[in-house]
């Protein structure tokens, strides 16, 4: 024979669970819209324009502002769903919720650091490419890529530190990466470095200036520009 008191208590559990779920859905949607407006106001859309992350998002019919805004909303949805299941007595998630509450801030921060690293790395690559576009060596494109991947690598290390990876391991990885970058740069850019040395010598000695007519080997012409890499 069913106990009316127990049945009433179960009904109240289900009502509270449903109420929590509804509040979570509404709250998550509102938070997503608010975050979207805030990200738009601070100019995130313009800041990530042209980056690889933004291009990837565009390929899927969305953008980074929308992704970040929806991510915050989905976090609320998931926690509301889990907590409502806990209140309804369907799943015992108290330990999971407690563990998640402890780890979630670190993982969110780590994710934001990695995404920020990709965005900053893309911007650094674009800036370096713009500054070096007058240099005619094909290897010069490697410089901007090295800067980009260095920013991304440091961001990944910082993210790993946030989720508890030992600092000693991270320092070993950073040292190995820097060593590889130095070797790769010296090997790939030896012609560029030699040209930079010659350009520095010309800038210091000034054997000719803009407007002079010069003959170098079989080439002859009027000097229009002199910088570290190009005459």
C-alpha atoms as a PDB file:
ATOM      1  CA  UNK A   1       0.000   0.000   0.000  1.00  0.00           C
ATOM      2  CA  UNK A   2       1.424   3.342  -1.040  1.00  0.00           C
ATOM      3  CA  UNK A   3       2.149   5.913   1.639  1.00  0.00           C
ATOM      4  CA  UNK A   4       0.525   9.290   0.756  1.00  0.00           C
ATOM      5  CA  UNK A   5       3.224  11.187   2.629  1.00  0.00           C
ATOM      6  CA  UNK A   6       6.002   9.494   0.651  1.00  0.00           C
ATOM      7  CA  UNK A   7       4.144  10.053  -2.614  1.00  0.00           C
ATOM      8  CA  UNK A   8       3.689  13.722  -1.785  1.00  0.00           C
ATOM      9  CA  UNK A   9       7.385  14.084  -0.932  1.00  0.00           C
ATOM     10  CA  UNK A  10       8.347  12.467  -4.243  1.00  0.00           C
ATOM     11  CA  UNK A  11       6.012  14.781  -6.111  1.00  0.00           C
ATOM     12  CA  UNK A  12       7.608  17.790  -4.414  1.00  0.00           C
ATOM     13  CA  UNK A  13      11.052  16.488  -5.375  1.00  0.00           C
ATOM     14  CA  UNK A  14      10.018  16.275  -9.001  1.00  0.00           C
ATOM     15  CA  UNK A  15       8.444  19.732  -8.854  1.00  0.00           C
ATOM     16  CA  UNK A  16      11.627  21.241  -7.377  1.00  0.00           C
ATOM     17  CA  UNK A  17      13.758  19.387  -9.933  1.00  0.00           C
ATOM     18  CA  UNK A  18      11.637  20.688 -12.792  1.00  0.00           C
ATOM     19  CA  UNK A  19      11.748  24.207 -11.340  1.00  0.00           C
ATOM     20  CA  UNK A  20      15.542  24.076 -11.033  1.00  0.00           C
ATOM     21  CA  UNK A  21      15.840  22.866 -14.622  1.00  0.00           C
ATOM     22  CA  UNK A  22      13.574  25.645 -15.931  1.00  0.00           C
ATOM     23  CA  UNK A  23      15.462  28.289 -13.938  1.00  0.00           C
ATOM     24  CA  UNK A  24      18.741  26.914 -15.275  1.00  0.00           C
ATOM     25  CA  UNK A  25      17.527  27.002 -18.871  1.00  0.00           C
ATOM     26  CA  UNK A  26      16.215  30.545 -18.559  1.00  0.00           C
ATOM     27  CA  UNK A  27      19.246  31.728 -16.605  1.00  0.00           C
ATOM     28  CA  UNK A  28      21.661  30.140 -19.092  1.00  0.00           C
ATOM     29  CA  UNK A  29      19.903  31.754 -22.044  1.00  0.00           C
ATOM     30  CA  UNK A  30      19.893  35.179 -20.368  1.00  0.00           C
ATOM     31  CA  UNK A  31      23.567  34.835 -19.387  1.00  0.00           C
ATOM     32  CA  UNK A  32      24.469  33.880 -22.959  1.00  0.00           C
ATOM     33  CA  UNK A  33      22.704  36.935 -24.364  1.00  0.00           C
ATOM     34  CA  UNK A  34      24.300  39.243 -21.794  1.00  0.00           C
ATOM     35  CA  UNK A  35      27.761  37.820 -22.482  1.00  0.00           C
ATOM     36  CA  UNK A  36      27.207  38.228 -26.225  1.00  0.00           C
ATOM     37  CA  UNK A  37      26.384  41.901 -25.739  1.00  0.00           C
ATOM     38  CA  UNK A  38      29.369  42.438 -23.436  1.00  0.00           C
ATOM     39  CA  UNK A  39      31.763  40.734 -25.880  1.00  0.00           C
ATOM     40  CA  UNK A  40      30.355  42.870 -28.677  1.00  0.00           C
ATOM     41  CA  UNK A  41      30.760  46.066 -26.653  1.00  0.00           C
ATOM     42  CA  UNK A  42      34.396  45.368 -25.782  1.00  0.00           C
ATOM     43  CA  UNK A  43      35.140  44.744 -29.484  1.00  0.00           C
ATOM     44  CA  UNK A  44      36.047  41.061 -29.385  1.00  0.00           C
ATOM     45  CA  UNK A  45      34.571  40.518 -32.850  1.00  0.00           C
ATOM     46  CA  UNK A  46      36.885  43.092 -34.399  1.00  0.00           C
ATOM     47  CA  UNK A  47      39.850  41.841 -32.349  1.00  0.00           C
ATOM     48  CA  UNK A  48      39.590  38.276 -33.680  1.00  0.00           C
ATOM     49  CA  UNK A  49      38.771  39.270 -37.267  1.00  0.00           C
ATOM     50  CA  UNK A  50      41.061  37.462 -39.691  1.00  0.00           C
ATOM     51  CA  UNK A  51      42.416  34.956 -37.153  1.00  0.00           C
ATOM     52  CA  UNK A  52      42.408  31.211 -37.825  1.00  0.00           C
ATOM     53  CA  UNK A  53      39.912  30.577 -35.017  1.00  0.00           C
ATOM     54  CA  UNK A  54      37.482  33.088 -36.477  1.00  0.00           C
ATOM     55  CA  UNK A  55      37.886  31.612 -39.977  1.00  0.00           C
ATOM     56  CA  UNK A  56      37.220  28.131 -38.596  1.00  0.00           C
ATOM     57  CA  UNK A  57      34.121  29.380 -36.787  1.00  0.00           C
ATOM     58  CA  UNK A  58      32.897  31.040 -39.983  1.00  0.00           C
ATOM     59  CA  UNK A  59      33.244  27.738 -41.830  1.00  0.00           C
ATOM     60  CA  UNK A  60      30.730  26.274 -39.371  1.00  0.00           C
ATOM     61  CA  UNK A  61      28.337  29.182 -39.850  1.00  0.00           C
ATOM     62  CA  UNK A  62      29.076  30.952 -36.568  1.00  0.00           C
ATOM     63  CA  UNK A  63      31.682  33.253 -34.991  1.00  0.00           C
ATOM     64  CA  UNK A  64      33.874  33.387 -31.879  1.00  0.00           C
ATOM     65  CA  UNK A  65      31.597  35.813 -30.031  1.00  0.00           C
ATOM     66  CA  UNK A  66      28.650  33.446 -30.456  1.00  0.00           C
ATOM     67  CA  UNK A  67      30.726  30.419 -29.448  1.00  0.00           C
ATOM     68  CA  UNK A  68      31.943  32.056 -26.224  1.00  0.00           C
ATOM     69  CA  UNK A  69      28.487  33.338 -25.354  1.00  0.00           C
ATOM     70  CA  UNK A  70      26.878  29.945 -25.957  1.00  0.00           C
ATOM     71  CA  UNK A  71      29.621  28.180 -23.991  1.00  0.00           C
ATOM     72  CA  UNK A  72      28.743  30.148 -20.858  1.00  0.00           C
ATOM     73  CA  UNK A  73      25.067  29.316 -21.402  1.00  0.00           C
ATOM     74  CA  UNK A  74      25.748  25.592 -21.846  1.00  0.00           C
ATOM     75  CA  UNK A  75      27.695  25.482 -18.586  1.00  0.00           C
ATOM     76  CA  UNK A  76      24.578  26.700 -16.773  1.00  0.00           C
ATOM     77  CA  UNK A  77      22.411  24.203 -18.687  1.00  0.00           C
ATOM     78  CA  UNK A  78      24.620  21.275 -17.707  1.00  0.00           C
ATOM     79  CA  UNK A  79      24.819  22.219 -14.032  1.00  0.00           C
ATOM     80  CA  UNK A  80      21.062  22.808 -13.894  1.00  0.00           C
ATOM     81  CA  UNK A  81      20.400  19.398 -15.460  1.00  0.00           C
ATOM     82  CA  UNK A  82      22.787  17.572 -13.123  1.00  0.00           C
ATOM     83  CA  UNK A  83      21.476  19.330 -10.037  1.00  0.00           C
ATOM     84  CA  UNK A  84      17.856  18.719 -11.026  1.00  0.00           C
ATOM     85  CA  UNK A  85      18.604  14.992 -11.378  1.00  0.00           C
ATOM     86  CA  UNK A  86      20.158  15.108  -7.929  1.00  0.00           C
ATOM     87  CA  UNK A  87      17.102  16.817  -6.404  1.00  0.00           C
ATOM     88  CA  UNK A  88      14.741  14.383  -8.125  1.00  0.00           C
ATOM     89  CA  UNK A  89      16.671  11.460  -6.672  1.00  0.00           C
ATOM     90  CA  UNK A  90      17.260   9.962 -10.091  1.00  0.00           C
ATOM     91  CA  UNK A  91      21.053  10.171  -9.949  1.00  0.00           C
ATOM     92  CA  UNK A  92      23.283  10.639  -6.920  1.00  0.00           C
ATOM     93  CA  UNK A  93      25.568  13.401  -8.136  1.00  0.00           C
ATOM     94  CA  UNK A  94      26.543  15.185  -4.934  1.00  0.00           C
ATOM     95  CA  UNK A  95      30.160  13.989  -5.102  1.00  0.00           C
ATOM     96  CA  UNK A  96      30.306  14.773  -8.830  1.00  0.00           C
ATOM     97  CA  UNK A  97      28.923  18.265  -8.248  1.00  0.00           C
ATOM     98  CA  UNK A  98      31.353  18.948  -5.426  1.00  0.00           C
ATOM     99  CA  UNK A  99      34.293  17.727  -7.503  1.00  0.00           C
ATOM    100  CA  UNK A 100      33.084  19.655 -10.523  1.00  0.00           C
ATOM    101  CA  UNK A 101      32.680  22.837  -8.497  1.00  0.00           C
ATOM    102  CA  UNK A 102      36.316  22.508  -7.405  1.00  0.00           C
ATOM    103  CA  UNK A 103      37.741  21.760 -10.847  1.00  0.00           C
ATOM    104  CA  UNK A 104      35.484  23.783 -13.118  1.00  0.00           C
ATOM    105  CA  UNK A 105      37.049  27.243 -12.533  1.00  0.00           C
ATOM    106  CA  UNK A 106      40.527  25.877 -13.284  1.00  0.00           C
ATOM    107  CA  UNK A 107      39.415  24.148 -16.472  1.00  0.00           C
ATOM    108  CA  UNK A 108      37.428  27.172 -17.640  1.00  0.00           C
ATOM    109  CA  UNK A 109      40.444  29.413 -17.056  1.00  0.00           C
ATOM    110  CA  UNK A 110      42.727  26.928 -18.835  1.00  0.00           C
ATOM    111  CA  UNK A 111      40.364  26.849 -21.833  1.00  0.00           C
ATOM    112  CA  UNK A 112      40.232  30.641 -21.975  1.00  0.00           C
ATOM    113  CA  UNK A 113      44.039  30.831 -21.782  1.00  0.00           C
ATOM    114  CA  UNK A 114      44.427  28.411 -24.709  1.00  0.00           C
ATOM    115  CA  UNK A 115      41.849  30.260 -26.805  1.00  0.00           C
ATOM    116  CA  UNK A 116      43.477  33.565 -25.929  1.00  0.00           C
ATOM    117  CA  UNK A 117      46.849  32.118 -26.915  1.00  0.00           C
ATOM    118  CA  UNK A 118      45.550  31.137 -30.353  1.00  0.00           C
ATOM    119  CA  UNK A 119      43.963  34.557 -30.864  1.00  0.00           C
ATOM    120  CA  UNK A 120      47.042  36.479 -29.709  1.00  0.00           C
ATOM    121  CA  UNK A 121      49.303  34.166 -31.715  1.00  0.00           C
ATOM    122  CA  UNK A 122      47.295  34.828 -34.871  1.00  0.00           C
ATOM    123  CA  UNK A 123      47.433  38.584 -34.285  1.00  0.00           C
ATOM    124  CA  UNK A 124      51.190  38.441 -33.660  1.00  0.00           C
ATOM    125  CA  UNK A 125      51.682  36.462 -36.881  1.00  0.00           C
ATOM    126  CA  UNK A 126      49.641  38.975 -38.870  1.00  0.00           C
ATOM    127  CA  UNK A 127      51.517  41.917 -37.338  1.00  0.00           C
ATOM    128  CA  UNK A 128      54.956  40.407 -37.987  1.00  0.00           C
ATOM    129  CA  UNK A 129      53.969  39.515 -41.568  1.00  0.00           C
ATOM    130  CA  UNK A 130      52.862  43.115 -42.108  1.00  0.00           C
ATOM    131  CA  UNK A 131      56.133  44.487 -40.762  1.00  0.00           C
ATOM    132  CA  UNK A 132      58.275  42.107 -42.812  1.00  0.00           C
ATOM    133  CA  UNK A 133      56.298  42.177 -46.065  1.00  0.00           C
ATOM    134  CA  UNK A 134      59.015  44.214 -47.804  1.00  0.00           C
ATOM    135  CA  UNK A 135      61.640  41.524 -47.243  1.00  0.00           C
ATOM    136  CA  UNK A 136      62.082  39.354 -50.328  1.00  0.00           C
ATOM    137  CA  UNK A 137      63.468  36.212 -48.693  1.00  0.00           C
ATOM    138  CA  UNK A 138      60.975  33.301 -48.797  1.00  0.00           C
ATOM    139  CA  UNK A 139      62.194  32.101 -45.376  1.00  0.00           C
ATOM    140  CA  UNK A 140      60.929  35.295 -43.758  1.00  0.00           C
ATOM    141  CA  UNK A 141      57.447  33.773 -43.405  1.00  0.00           C
ATOM    142  CA  UNK A 142      58.967  31.371 -40.886  1.00  0.00           C
ATOM    143  CA  UNK A 143      59.628  34.267 -38.495  1.00  0.00           C
ATOM    144  CA  UNK A 144      55.959  35.095 -38.042  1.00  0.00           C
ATOM    145  CA  UNK A 145      55.078  31.426 -37.613  1.00  0.00           C
ATOM    146  CA  UNK A 146      57.728  30.996 -34.937  1.00  0.00           C
ATOM    147  CA  UNK A 147      56.287  33.967 -33.053  1.00  0.00           C
ATOM    148  CA  UNK A 148      52.770  32.567 -33.393  1.00  0.00           C
ATOM    149  CA  UNK A 149      53.590  29.049 -32.215  1.00  0.00           C
ATOM    150  CA  UNK A 150      55.699  30.418 -29.366  1.00  0.00           C
ATOM    151  CA  UNK A 151      52.709  32.392 -28.069  1.00  0.00           C
ATOM    152  CA  UNK A 152      50.455  29.339 -28.437  1.00  0.00           C
ATOM    153  CA  UNK A 153      52.986  27.056 -26.749  1.00  0.00           C
ATOM    154  CA  UNK A 154      53.369  29.395 -23.764  1.00  0.00           C
ATOM    155  CA  UNK A 155      49.572  29.643 -23.499  1.00  0.00           C
ATOM    156  CA  UNK A 156      49.292  25.841 -23.460  1.00  0.00           C
ATOM    157  CA  UNK A 157      51.914  25.645 -20.701  1.00  0.00           C
ATOM    158  CA  UNK A 158      50.041  28.225 -18.633  1.00  0.00           C
ATOM    159  CA  UNK A 159      46.805  26.283 -19.188  1.00  0.00           C
ATOM    160  CA  UNK A 160      48.442  23.035 -18.066  1.00  0.00           C
ATOM    161  CA  UNK A 161      49.711  24.811 -14.953  1.00  0.00           C
ATOM    162  CA  UNK A 162      46.126  25.841 -14.165  1.00  0.00           C
ATOM    163  CA  UNK A 163      44.928  22.226 -14.129  1.00  0.00           C
ATOM    164  CA  UNK A 164      47.730  21.030 -11.884  1.00  0.00           C
ATOM    165  CA  UNK A 165      50.508  19.802 -14.164  1.00  0.00           C
ATOM    166  CA  UNK A 166      53.866  19.945 -12.348  1.00  0.00           C
ATOM    167  CA  UNK A 167      55.825  23.138 -12.966  1.00  0.00           C
ATOM    168  CA  UNK A 168      59.068  21.186 -13.362  1.00  0.00           C
ATOM    169  CA  UNK A 169      57.645  19.252 -16.311  1.00  0.00           C
ATOM    170  CA  UNK A 170      56.430  22.481 -17.896  1.00  0.00           C
ATOM    171  CA  UNK A 171      59.859  24.087 -17.560  1.00  0.00           C
ATOM    172  CA  UNK A 172      61.475  21.068 -19.247  1.00  0.00           C
ATOM    173  CA  UNK A 173      58.982  21.326 -22.107  1.00  0.00           C
ATOM    174  CA  UNK A 174      59.602  25.071 -22.420  1.00  0.00           C
ATOM    175  CA  UNK A 175      63.376  24.570 -22.480  1.00  0.00           C
ATOM    176  CA  UNK A 176      63.112  21.861 -25.136  1.00  0.00           C
ATOM    177  CA  UNK A 177      60.840  24.066 -27.238  1.00  0.00           C
ATOM    178  CA  UNK A 178      63.152  27.090 -27.028  1.00  0.00           C
ATOM    179  CA  UNK A 179      66.150  24.936 -27.972  1.00  0.00           C
ATOM    180  CA  UNK A 180      64.264  23.565 -30.991  1.00  0.00           C
ATOM    181  CA  UNK A 181      63.223  27.077 -32.021  1.00  0.00           C
ATOM    182  CA  UNK A 182      66.816  28.355 -31.840  1.00  0.00           C
ATOM    183  CA  UNK A 183      68.165  25.450 -33.905  1.00  0.00           C
ATOM    184  CA  UNK A 184      65.357  25.699 -36.470  1.00  0.00           C
ATOM    185  CA  UNK A 185      65.674  29.466 -36.767  1.00  0.00           C
ATOM    186  CA  UNK A 186      69.453  29.372 -37.173  1.00  0.00           C
ATOM    187  CA  UNK A 187      69.192  26.643 -39.811  1.00  0.00           C
ATOM    188  CA  UNK A 188      66.307  28.075 -41.828  1.00  0.00           C
ATOM    189  CA  UNK A 189      67.160  31.754 -41.621  1.00  0.00           C
ATOM    190  CA  UNK A 190      70.928  31.714 -42.134  1.00  0.00           C
ATOM    191  CA  UNK A 191      70.560  33.603 -45.439  1.00  0.00           C
ATOM    192  CA  UNK A 192      68.283  36.153 -43.797  1.00  0.00           C
ATOM    193  CA  UNK A 193      70.679  36.602 -40.864  1.00  0.00           C
ATOM    194  CA  UNK A 194      73.600  37.065 -43.276  1.00  0.00           C
ATOM    195  CA  UNK A 195      71.584  39.683 -45.179  1.00  0.00           C
ATOM    196  CA  UNK A 196      70.797  41.440 -41.898  1.00  0.00           C
ATOM    197  CA  UNK A 197      74.506  41.578 -41.074  1.00  0.00           C
ATOM    198  CA  UNK A 198      75.304  43.051 -44.477  1.00  0.00           C
ATOM    199  CA  UNK A 199      72.430  45.524 -44.151  1.00  0.00           C
ATOM    200  CA  UNK A 200      73.654  46.640 -40.735  1.00  0.00           C
ATOM    201  CA  UNK A 201      77.130  47.209 -42.159  1.00  0.00           C
ATOM    202  CA  UNK A 202      75.708  49.325 -45.001  1.00  0.00           C
ATOM    203  CA  UNK A 203      73.583  51.374 -42.604  1.00  0.00           C
ATOM    204  CA  UNK A 204      76.607  52.077 -40.410  1.00  0.00           C
ATOM    205  CA  UNK A 205      79.116  52.868 -43.187  1.00  0.00           C
ATOM    206  CA  UNK A 206      76.629  54.531 -45.586  1.00  0.00           C
ATOM    207  CA  UNK A 207      78.565  53.971 -48.857  1.00  0.00           C
ATOM    208  CA  UNK A 208      75.503  55.319 -50.687  1.00  0.00           C
ATOM    209  CA  UNK A 209      72.282  57.144 -49.828  1.00  0.00           C
ATOM    210  CA  UNK A 210      68.820  57.526 -51.309  1.00  0.00           C
ATOM    211  CA  UNK A 211      69.021  59.243 -54.695  1.00  0.00           C
ATOM    212  CA  UNK A 212      72.523  57.990 -55.569  1.00  0.00           C
ATOM    213  CA  UNK A 213      73.048  56.092 -58.818  1.00  0.00           C
ATOM    214  CA  UNK A 214      74.914  52.878 -58.118  1.00  0.00           C
ATOM    215  CA  UNK A 215      76.119  49.838 -60.053  1.00  0.00           C
ATOM    216  CA  UNK A 216      76.194  46.505 -58.196  1.00  0.00           C
ATOM    217  CA  UNK A 217      77.426  43.631 -60.319  1.00  0.00           C
ATOM    218  CA  UNK A 218      75.423  43.735 -63.539  1.00  0.00           C
ATOM    219  CA  UNK A 219      72.656  45.862 -62.015  1.00  0.00           C
ATOM    220  CA  UNK A 220      72.532  49.627 -62.139  1.00  0.00           C
ATOM    221  CA  UNK A 221      69.945  52.068 -60.844  1.00  0.00           C
ATOM    222  CA  UNK A 222      68.960  54.845 -58.440  1.00  0.00           C
ATOM    223  CA  UNK A 223      68.709  54.007 -54.749  1.00  0.00           C
ATOM    224  CA  UNK A 224      65.104  54.468 -53.609  1.00  0.00           C
ATOM    225  CA  UNK A 225      65.166  52.805 -50.182  1.00  0.00           C
ATOM    226  CA  UNK A 226      67.764  51.473 -47.748  1.00  0.00           C
ATOM    227  CA  UNK A 227      66.889  49.369 -44.697  1.00  0.00           C
ATOM    228  CA  UNK A 228      68.277  46.431 -42.758  1.00  0.00           C
ATOM    229  CA  UNK A 229      67.348  43.827 -45.380  1.00  0.00           C
ATOM    230  CA  UNK A 230      66.782  45.639 -48.650  1.00  0.00           C
ATOM    231  CA  UNK A 231      68.406  48.241 -50.906  1.00  0.00           C
END
